[in-house]
C-alpha cells in the first residue's frame, strides 16, 4: 500500500495526464479503485468523475483529505 492510500479515497491530478481515453486536465478529480504492483512500480486505478477509469502513478495525483472531500461536496 502506498502511504495509506485506500479504495474509495478521493484524489485529483497534479498535472495534465495523457491516457488511452484522452487527456486528463490538471485538478481533475476521481475516486481511487485500488492499487496494482507492476514490475515493482505501484499503479493506482482511478475512476475519474468524467467516467474514465485509468491507472496513474502516485506522483501524478494528490490524495484529498477527508476534510477537503467533505468541503467540495457542499
N, C-alpha and C. Protein backbone atom coordinates (compact mmCIF):
# COMPACT_ATOMS: atom_id res chain seq x y z
N UNK A 1 0.84 -1.17 0.00
CA UNK A 1 0.00 0.00 0.00
C UNK A 1 0.89 1.24 0.00
N UNK A 2 0.54 2.21 -0.81
CA UNK A 2 1.33 3.42 -0.94
C UNK A 2 0.82 4.47 0.05
N UNK A 3 1.63 4.76 1.06
CA UNK A 3 1.32 5.83 2.01
C UNK A 3 -0.12 5.83 2.53
N UNK A 4 -0.68 4.67 2.81
CA UNK A 4 -2.02 4.60 3.39
C UNK A 4 -3.16 4.86 2.42
N UNK A 5 -2.91 4.84 1.13
CA UNK A 5 -3.97 5.05 0.15
C UNK A 5 -4.91 3.84 0.16
N UNK A 6 -6.20 4.11 0.19
CA UNK A 6 -7.19 3.05 0.23
C UNK A 6 -8.27 3.27 -0.82
N UNK A 7 -8.95 2.18 -1.17
CA UNK A 7 -10.07 2.25 -2.10
C UNK A 7 -11.13 3.20 -1.55
N UNK A 8 -11.69 4.01 -2.43
CA UNK A 8 -12.75 4.94 -2.05
C UNK A 8 -12.26 6.34 -1.71
N UNK A 9 -10.95 6.52 -1.56
CA UNK A 9 -10.42 7.85 -1.26
C UNK A 9 -10.50 8.71 -2.52
N UNK A 10 -10.72 10.00 -2.33
CA UNK A 10 -10.79 10.95 -3.43
C UNK A 10 -9.39 11.47 -3.74
N UNK A 11 -9.18 11.79 -5.02
CA UNK A 11 -7.88 12.32 -5.44
C UNK A 11 -8.10 13.30 -6.59
N UNK A 12 -7.03 14.00 -6.96
CA UNK A 12 -7.06 14.89 -8.12
C UNK A 12 -5.69 14.86 -8.78
N UNK A 13 -5.68 15.15 -10.06
CA UNK A 13 -4.42 15.15 -10.80
C UNK A 13 -3.59 16.37 -10.43
N UNK A 14 -2.28 16.21 -10.47
CA UNK A 14 -1.38 17.33 -10.19
C UNK A 14 -0.82 17.95 -11.47
N UNK A 15 -1.08 17.27 -12.59
CA UNK A 15 -0.62 17.78 -13.88
C UNK A 15 -1.49 17.15 -14.96
N UNK A 16 -1.35 17.60 -16.19
CA UNK A 16 -2.08 17.01 -17.29
C UNK A 16 -1.54 15.60 -17.54
N UNK A 17 -2.44 14.65 -17.71
CA UNK A 17 -2.03 13.25 -17.92
C UNK A 17 -2.62 12.76 -19.23
N UNK A 18 -1.77 12.21 -20.07
CA UNK A 18 -2.20 11.62 -21.34
C UNK A 18 -2.56 10.16 -21.09
N UNK A 19 -3.78 9.75 -21.42
CA UNK A 19 -4.24 8.38 -21.20
C UNK A 19 -4.75 7.79 -22.51
N UNK A 20 -5.08 6.50 -22.48
CA UNK A 20 -5.65 5.85 -23.67
C UNK A 20 -7.01 6.44 -24.04
N UNK A 21 -7.70 7.04 -23.07
CA UNK A 21 -9.02 7.63 -23.30
C UNK A 21 -9.00 9.12 -23.58
N UNK A 22 -7.82 9.71 -23.64
CA UNK A 22 -7.70 11.14 -23.89
C UNK A 22 -6.88 11.82 -22.80
N UNK A 23 -6.98 13.13 -22.73
CA UNK A 23 -6.22 13.91 -21.75
C UNK A 23 -7.06 14.14 -20.50
N UNK A 24 -6.39 14.03 -19.35
CA UNK A 24 -6.98 14.43 -18.08
C UNK A 24 -6.33 15.74 -17.70
N UNK A 25 -7.12 16.78 -17.54
CA UNK A 25 -6.58 18.08 -17.19
C UNK A 25 -6.10 18.13 -15.75
N UNK A 26 -5.32 19.13 -15.46
CA UNK A 26 -4.84 19.35 -14.10
C UNK A 26 -6.04 19.61 -13.19
N UNK A 27 -6.03 19.08 -12.00
CA UNK A 27 -7.07 19.20 -10.98
C UNK A 27 -8.32 18.39 -11.29
N UNK A 28 -8.26 17.45 -12.24
CA UNK A 28 -9.38 16.54 -12.48
C UNK A 28 -9.52 15.63 -11.27
N UNK A 29 -10.75 15.44 -10.79
CA UNK A 29 -10.97 14.66 -9.58
C UNK A 29 -11.55 13.29 -9.89
N UNK A 30 -11.26 12.34 -8.98
CA UNK A 30 -11.76 10.99 -9.13
C UNK A 30 -11.70 10.22 -7.82
N UNK A 31 -12.09 8.95 -7.89
CA UNK A 31 -12.12 8.07 -6.72
C UNK A 31 -11.19 6.89 -6.95
N UNK A 32 -10.34 6.62 -5.98
CA UNK A 32 -9.38 5.52 -6.08
C UNK A 32 -10.13 4.19 -6.00
N UNK A 33 -9.85 3.30 -6.95
CA UNK A 33 -10.49 1.99 -7.02
C UNK A 33 -9.59 0.88 -6.47
N UNK A 34 -8.28 1.09 -6.51
CA UNK A 34 -7.38 0.07 -6.00
C UNK A 34 -5.93 0.34 -6.39
N UNK A 35 -5.05 -0.52 -5.89
CA UNK A 35 -3.62 -0.43 -6.16
C UNK A 35 -3.14 -1.69 -6.85
N UNK A 36 -2.19 -1.52 -7.77
CA UNK A 36 -1.64 -2.64 -8.50
C UNK A 36 -0.13 -2.53 -8.48
N UNK A 37 0.56 -3.64 -8.23
CA UNK A 37 2.01 -3.66 -8.31
C UNK A 37 2.39 -4.23 -9.67
N UNK A 38 3.14 -3.45 -10.47
CA UNK A 38 3.53 -3.86 -11.80
C UNK A 38 5.04 -3.69 -11.94
N UNK A 39 5.74 -4.82 -11.94
CA UNK A 39 7.20 -4.82 -12.10
C UNK A 39 7.88 -3.90 -11.08
N UNK A 40 7.39 -3.93 -9.85
CA UNK A 40 7.98 -3.15 -8.79
C UNK A 40 7.49 -1.71 -8.72
N UNK A 41 6.58 -1.34 -9.60
CA UNK A 41 6.01 0.01 -9.59
C UNK A 41 4.59 -0.05 -9.06
N UNK A 42 4.21 0.92 -8.26
CA UNK A 42 2.84 0.99 -7.75
C UNK A 42 1.99 1.83 -8.70
N UNK A 43 0.94 1.23 -9.23
CA UNK A 43 -0.02 1.94 -10.07
C UNK A 43 -1.34 2.04 -9.31
N UNK A 44 -2.04 3.15 -9.50
CA UNK A 44 -3.29 3.38 -8.80
C UNK A 44 -4.41 3.44 -9.83
N UNK A 45 -5.42 2.61 -9.65
CA UNK A 45 -6.59 2.64 -10.53
C UNK A 45 -7.55 3.70 -10.01
N UNK A 46 -7.94 4.62 -10.90
CA UNK A 46 -8.82 5.72 -10.52
C UNK A 46 -10.02 5.79 -11.46
N UNK A 47 -11.21 5.91 -10.86
CA UNK A 47 -12.44 6.19 -11.62
C UNK A 47 -12.62 7.70 -11.59
N UNK A 48 -12.37 8.36 -12.71
CA UNK A 48 -12.45 9.81 -12.78
C UNK A 48 -13.90 10.24 -12.87
N UNK A 49 -14.20 11.43 -12.39
CA UNK A 49 -15.57 11.94 -12.40
C UNK A 49 -16.15 12.04 -13.81
N UNK A 50 -15.29 12.10 -14.80
CA UNK A 50 -15.73 12.16 -16.20
C UNK A 50 -16.21 10.80 -16.71
N UNK A 51 -16.00 9.74 -15.92
CA UNK A 51 -16.42 8.40 -16.33
C UNK A 51 -15.27 7.50 -16.77
N UNK A 52 -14.13 8.08 -17.07
CA UNK A 52 -12.95 7.33 -17.49
C UNK A 52 -12.31 6.64 -16.30
N UNK A 53 -11.89 5.40 -16.48
CA UNK A 53 -11.12 4.69 -15.46
C UNK A 53 -9.75 4.38 -16.05
N UNK A 54 -8.70 4.72 -15.31
CA UNK A 54 -7.35 4.51 -15.81
C UNK A 54 -6.37 4.35 -14.65
N UNK A 55 -5.17 3.89 -14.97
CA UNK A 55 -4.11 3.75 -13.97
C UNK A 55 -3.20 4.97 -14.04
N UNK A 56 -2.75 5.42 -12.87
CA UNK A 56 -1.82 6.55 -12.77
C UNK A 56 -0.73 6.20 -11.77
N UNK A 57 0.37 6.93 -11.84
CA UNK A 57 1.43 6.79 -10.86
C UNK A 57 1.16 7.73 -9.69
N UNK A 58 1.70 7.41 -8.53
CA UNK A 58 1.47 8.20 -7.32
C UNK A 58 1.92 9.65 -7.49
N UNK A 59 2.95 9.90 -8.29
CA UNK A 59 3.43 11.27 -8.47
C UNK A 59 2.54 12.10 -9.39
N UNK A 60 1.52 11.47 -10.01
CA UNK A 60 0.61 12.19 -10.90
C UNK A 60 -0.67 12.66 -10.21
N UNK A 61 -0.87 12.22 -8.96
CA UNK A 61 -2.08 12.61 -8.24
C UNK A 61 -1.75 13.09 -6.83
N UNK A 62 -2.71 13.75 -6.21
CA UNK A 62 -2.63 14.04 -4.79
C UNK A 62 -3.93 13.52 -4.18
N UNK A 63 -3.80 12.87 -3.05
CA UNK A 63 -4.95 12.32 -2.37
C UNK A 63 -5.56 13.42 -1.51
N UNK A 64 -6.87 13.59 -1.66
CA UNK A 64 -7.56 14.63 -0.90
C UNK A 64 -7.82 14.12 0.52
N UNK A 65 -7.70 15.02 1.47
CA UNK A 65 -8.01 14.65 2.85
C UNK A 65 -9.51 14.54 3.01
N UNK A 66 -9.94 13.94 4.08
CA UNK A 66 -11.37 13.78 4.34
C UNK A 66 -12.07 15.14 4.41
N UNK A 67 -11.42 16.10 5.04
CA UNK A 67 -11.99 17.44 5.18
C UNK A 67 -12.16 18.08 3.81
N UNK A 68 -11.16 17.99 2.94
CA UNK A 68 -11.24 18.56 1.59
C UNK A 68 -12.39 17.93 0.81
N UNK A 69 -12.57 16.61 0.94
CA UNK A 69 -13.63 15.91 0.24
C UNK A 69 -15.00 16.36 0.72
N UNK A 70 -15.14 16.57 2.03
CA UNK A 70 -16.44 17.00 2.58
C UNK A 70 -16.77 18.42 2.15
N UNK A 71 -15.78 19.30 2.11
CA UNK A 71 -16.00 20.69 1.71
C UNK A 71 -16.38 20.76 0.25
N UNK A 72 -15.72 19.99 -0.63
CA UNK A 72 -16.03 20.05 -2.06
C UNK A 72 -17.39 19.42 -2.38
N UNK A 73 -17.94 18.62 -1.46
CA UNK A 73 -19.25 18.01 -1.68
C UNK A 73 -20.39 18.99 -1.37
N UNK A 74 -20.08 20.06 -0.67
CA UNK A 74 -21.13 21.04 -0.28
C UNK A 74 -21.50 21.93 -1.46
